[in-house]
């Protein structure tokens, strides 16, 4: 109930923001650029150790990242180049934010976390690359625990609470997502290790009718045959 209320409130807020942006006729690519600028500010806040401020800015940056595509669709300005531009700027935004964390941990002389954030950067880039490369070979590759939205949410949580556990989680799960996508692609291309196919979000196993459903269907067919013209058949749904 509470999560539903929060979701409804967020949807109303997002709809109002989108309508306002459409009313002022802002270009969707400009929203993408604004989101990138916000990411630079987030990185600066990280580098100065101002994690709460970084979390607030990151929320605003994420908001711009959410609405640019919606505005493009609603104003009929959605183009292949716009999607490409948004994807490229997302990669830059991610790397710049992580660079801010590296600067901070370097200043604190915490080399373990400097290296760990470097591992996070590799996982972040490779998560996107493996999907793009895989989808040149197979129809779709969206499997994995951690994509960009999940990473952003984790960074926001870490900004307001403790960043170190979040860095560990992103480092492990982002690189596991890369491995998962490699295994998934190999599975579809060779037919081996079928367990990884089960986590593909867009693929759903065909529904198998239950015996009860089959029985109701047979009854419906028989009843339909016995009904007189003009009389409705019973509803067994």
Protein backbone atom coordinates (compact mmCIF):
# COMPACT_ATOMS: atom_id res chain seq x y z
CA UNK A 1 0.00 0.00 0.00
CA UNK A 2 2.73 2.49 0.97
CA UNK A 3 4.90 1.67 -2.06
CA UNK A 4 1.84 2.01 -4.30
CA UNK A 5 1.11 5.48 -2.88
CA UNK A 6 4.74 6.50 -3.38
CA UNK A 7 4.65 5.21 -6.96
CA UNK A 8 1.44 7.10 -7.69
CA UNK A 9 2.87 10.30 -6.21
CA UNK A 10 6.06 9.96 -8.22
CA UNK A 11 4.06 9.35 -11.38
CA UNK A 12 1.99 12.51 -10.81
CA UNK A 13 5.16 14.53 -10.17
CA UNK A 14 6.91 13.12 -13.24
CA UNK A 15 3.87 13.79 -15.43
CA UNK A 16 3.78 17.40 -14.25
CA UNK A 17 7.48 17.89 -14.97
CA UNK A 18 7.12 16.38 -18.44
CA UNK A 19 4.12 18.59 -19.28
CA UNK A 20 6.05 21.66 -18.13
CA UNK A 21 9.07 20.76 -20.26
CA UNK A 22 6.84 20.16 -23.27
CA UNK A 23 5.08 23.48 -22.69
CA UNK A 24 8.38 25.42 -22.73
CA UNK A 25 9.38 23.46 -25.87
CA UNK A 26 12.73 22.30 -24.59
CA UNK A 27 14.73 20.04 -26.88
CA UNK A 28 15.15 16.48 -25.51
CA UNK A 29 18.87 16.58 -26.35
CA UNK A 30 19.21 19.65 -24.15
CA UNK A 31 17.80 17.62 -21.26
CA UNK A 32 20.44 14.99 -21.94
CA UNK A 33 23.14 17.65 -21.79
CA UNK A 34 21.69 19.05 -18.55
CA UNK A 35 21.80 15.59 -17.05
CA UNK A 36 25.46 15.32 -18.07
CA UNK A 37 26.23 18.68 -16.44
CA UNK A 38 24.53 17.47 -13.27
CA UNK A 39 26.76 14.40 -13.34
CA UNK A 40 29.83 16.67 -13.44
CA UNK A 41 28.52 18.49 -10.38
CA UNK A 42 27.92 15.13 -8.69
CA UNK A 43 31.51 14.11 -9.40
CA UNK A 44 32.78 17.39 -7.96
CA UNK A 45 30.74 16.84 -4.79
CA UNK A 46 32.08 13.29 -4.50
CA UNK A 47 35.66 14.52 -4.93
CA UNK A 48 35.17 16.97 -2.05
CA UNK A 49 33.61 14.38 0.22
CA UNK A 50 30.19 16.06 0.17
CA UNK A 51 28.24 12.87 -0.28
CA UNK A 52 24.83 14.16 0.80
CA UNK A 53 25.01 17.00 -1.71
CA UNK A 54 26.17 14.51 -4.35
CA UNK A 55 23.13 12.34 -3.62
CA UNK A 56 20.73 15.26 -4.06
CA UNK A 57 22.38 16.32 -7.35
CA UNK A 58 22.36 12.71 -8.52
CA UNK A 59 18.61 12.53 -7.96
CA UNK A 60 18.16 15.62 -10.16
CA UNK A 61 20.51 14.17 -12.79
CA UNK A 62 18.53 10.93 -12.75
CA UNK A 63 15.34 12.92 -13.21
CA UNK A 64 16.68 14.53 -16.38
CA UNK A 65 17.80 11.10 -17.57
CA UNK A 66 14.26 9.78 -17.05
CA UNK A 67 12.34 12.56 -18.76
CA UNK A 68 14.43 13.20 -21.89
CA UNK A 69 13.16 10.07 -23.63
CA UNK A 70 9.57 10.69 -22.51
CA UNK A 71 9.66 14.27 -23.80
CA UNK A 72 11.12 13.06 -27.10
CA UNK A 73 8.31 10.54 -27.56
CA UNK A 74 5.51 12.90 -26.56
CA UNK A 75 6.76 15.71 -28.82
CA UNK A 76 7.44 13.29 -31.71
CA UNK A 77 11.13 14.21 -31.69
CA UNK A 78 12.39 10.71 -31.03
CA UNK A 79 15.22 9.92 -33.44
CA UNK A 80 17.88 7.18 -33.73
CA UNK A 81 20.57 9.80 -33.23
CA UNK A 82 18.86 11.05 -30.06
CA UNK A 83 18.93 7.54 -28.60
CA UNK A 84 22.58 7.16 -29.62
CA UNK A 85 23.49 10.56 -28.14
CA UNK A 86 21.70 9.75 -24.88
CA UNK A 87 23.53 6.42 -24.59
CA UNK A 88 26.95 7.99 -25.19
CA UNK A 89 26.33 10.76 -22.65
CA UNK A 90 25.18 8.17 -20.11
CA UNK A 91 28.55 6.42 -20.41
CA UNK A 92 30.40 9.70 -19.90
CA UNK A 93 28.18 10.58 -16.94
CA UNK A 94 28.89 7.26 -15.25
CA UNK A 95 32.65 7.47 -15.70
CA UNK A 96 32.83 11.08 -14.51
CA UNK A 97 30.90 10.28 -11.32
CA UNK A 98 33.19 7.35 -10.57
CA UNK A 99 36.18 9.58 -11.24
CA UNK A 100 34.93 11.86 -8.46
CA UNK A 101 34.92 8.91 -6.08
CA UNK A 102 38.44 7.92 -7.13
CA UNK A 103 39.68 11.45 -6.39
CA UNK A 104 38.07 11.38 -2.95
CA UNK A 105 39.45 7.99 -1.97
CA UNK A 106 42.84 9.00 -3.34
CA UNK A 107 42.83 12.09 -1.13
CA UNK A 108 41.96 9.92 1.83
CA UNK A 109 44.81 7.55 0.91
CA UNK A 110 42.41 4.60 0.66
CA UNK A 111 44.02 2.77 -2.24
CA UNK A 112 41.81 -0.30 -1.84
CA UNK A 113 38.76 1.76 -2.75
CA UNK A 114 40.61 3.62 -5.51
CA UNK A 115 41.22 0.25 -7.16
CA UNK A 116 37.71 -0.96 -6.35
CA UNK A 117 36.08 2.06 -8.00
CA UNK A 118 38.29 1.33 -11.02
CA UNK A 119 36.78 -2.16 -11.08
CA UNK A 120 33.33 -0.53 -10.87
CA UNK A 121 34.20 1.62 -13.89
CA UNK A 122 35.25 -1.44 -15.88
CA UNK A 123 32.04 -3.27 -14.97
CA UNK A 124 29.92 -0.23 -15.84
CA UNK A 125 31.42 0.15 -19.30
CA UNK A 126 31.53 -3.55 -20.06
CA UNK A 127 27.91 -4.07 -19.01
CA UNK A 128 26.83 -1.76 -21.82
CA UNK A 129 29.42 -3.04 -24.28
CA UNK A 130 28.54 -6.72 -23.84
CA UNK A 131 24.88 -5.98 -24.47
CA UNK A 132 25.63 -3.91 -27.59
CA UNK A 133 28.04 -6.52 -28.93
CA UNK A 134 25.78 -9.44 -28.04
CA UNK A 135 22.79 -7.86 -29.78
CA UNK A 136 24.80 -7.76 -33.00
CA UNK A 137 24.83 -11.57 -32.77
CA UNK A 138 21.53 -12.44 -31.05
CA UNK A 139 18.14 -10.66 -30.93
CA UNK A 140 18.34 -9.37 -27.35
CA UNK A 141 20.57 -9.51 -24.28
CA UNK A 142 19.14 -7.80 -21.18
CA UNK A 143 20.02 -10.40 -18.58
CA UNK A 144 22.01 -9.57 -15.47
CA UNK A 145 21.59 -8.21 -11.95
CA UNK A 146 22.86 -4.68 -12.41
CA UNK A 147 22.18 -2.21 -15.21
CA UNK A 148 22.53 1.58 -15.10
CA UNK A 149 19.28 2.40 -13.23
CA UNK A 150 20.19 -0.02 -10.44
CA UNK A 151 23.72 1.42 -10.22
CA UNK A 152 22.35 4.97 -9.93
CA UNK A 153 19.93 3.95 -7.17
CA UNK A 154 22.75 2.26 -5.27
CA UNK A 155 24.95 5.36 -5.60
CA UNK A 156 22.11 7.51 -4.24
CA UNK A 157 21.70 5.15 -1.27
CA UNK A 158 25.45 5.19 -0.67
CA UNK A 159 25.52 8.98 -0.81
CA UNK A 160 23.03 9.28 2.03
CA UNK A 161 24.30 6.37 4.12
CA UNK A 162 27.55 4.43 3.55
CA UNK A 163 29.30 4.42 0.18
CA UNK A 164 31.89 1.71 0.85
CA UNK A 165 29.46 -1.27 0.95
CA UNK A 166 27.74 0.12 -2.14
CA UNK A 167 31.04 0.23 -4.03
CA UNK A 168 31.64 -3.44 -3.20
CA UNK A 169 28.14 -4.39 -4.34
CA UNK A 170 28.42 -2.52 -7.65
CA UNK A 171 31.93 -3.87 -8.31
CA UNK A 172 30.80 -7.47 -7.86
CA UNK A 173 27.35 -7.39 -9.45
CA UNK A 174 28.22 -5.19 -12.43
CA UNK A 175 31.04 -7.52 -13.45
CA UNK A 176 28.87 -10.55 -12.77
CA UNK A 177 26.32 -9.01 -15.15
CA UNK A 178 29.06 -8.93 -17.80
CA UNK A 179 29.85 -12.62 -17.20
CA UNK A 180 26.14 -13.48 -17.22
CA UNK A 181 25.65 -11.78 -20.58
CA UNK A 182 28.64 -13.59 -22.03
CA UNK A 183 27.22 -16.93 -20.86
CA UNK A 184 23.76 -16.03 -22.11
CA UNK A 185 25.08 -15.12 -25.55
CA UNK A 186 27.11 -18.31 -25.69
CA UNK A 187 24.01 -20.27 -24.71
CA UNK A 188 21.89 -18.90 -27.54
CA UNK A 189 24.67 -19.36 -30.06
CA UNK A 190 25.71 -22.89 -29.03
CA UNK A 191 22.75 -24.28 -27.12
CA UNK A 192 24.76 -24.98 -23.95
CA UNK A 193 24.32 -24.01 -20.27
CA UNK A 194 20.59 -23.45 -20.60
CA UNK A 195 20.18 -22.16 -17.01
CA UNK A 196 21.18 -18.61 -18.00
CA UNK A 197 18.29 -18.31 -20.46
CA UNK A 198 15.73 -18.39 -17.68
CA UNK A 199 16.57 -14.84 -16.54
CA UNK A 200 15.95 -13.09 -19.85
CA UNK A 201 13.29 -10.45 -18.91
CA UNK A 202 11.67 -10.15 -22.32
CA UNK A 203 11.27 -13.86 -22.92
CA UNK A 204 8.32 -15.63 -21.40
CA UNK A 205 7.65 -19.30 -21.53
CA UNK A 206 4.46 -20.13 -23.43
CA UNK A 207 1.54 -20.69 -21.13
CA UNK A 208 0.61 -24.36 -20.79
CA UNK A 209 -3.11 -24.86 -20.22
CA UNK A 210 -3.91 -26.69 -17.00
CA UNK A 211 -6.13 -29.81 -17.03
CA UNK A 212 -8.90 -27.76 -15.37
CA UNK A 213 -8.66 -25.13 -18.09
CA UNK A 214 -8.80 -27.79 -20.79
CA UNK A 215 -11.82 -29.34 -19.09
CA UNK A 216 -13.60 -25.96 -18.91
CA UNK A 217 -12.78 -25.38 -22.57
CA UNK A 218 -14.26 -28.71 -23.57
CA UNK A 219 -17.38 -27.98 -21.52
CA UNK A 220 -17.67 -24.56 -23.13
CA UNK A 221 -17.39 -26.05 -26.61
CA UNK A 222 -20.01 -28.70 -25.87
CA UNK A 223 -22.35 -26.20 -24.24
CA UNK A 224 -21.92 -23.83 -27.16
CA UNK A 225 -22.92 -26.60 -29.55
CA UNK A 226 -26.03 -27.43 -27.47
CA UNK A 227 -27.20 -23.81 -27.10
CA UNK A 228 -30.11 -22.75 -29.20
CA UNK A 229 -29.64 -19.93 -31.71
CA UNK A 230 -29.87 -16.55 -30.02
CA UNK A 231 -29.13 -17.94 -26.54
CA UNK A 232 -25.79 -16.94 -25.00
CA UNK A 233 -23.36 -19.70 -24.01
CA UNK A 234 -22.48 -19.95 -20.32
CA UNK A 235 -19.36 -18.11 -19.21
CA UNK A 236 -16.85 -20.48 -17.61
CA UNK A 237 -14.11 -17.85 -17.12
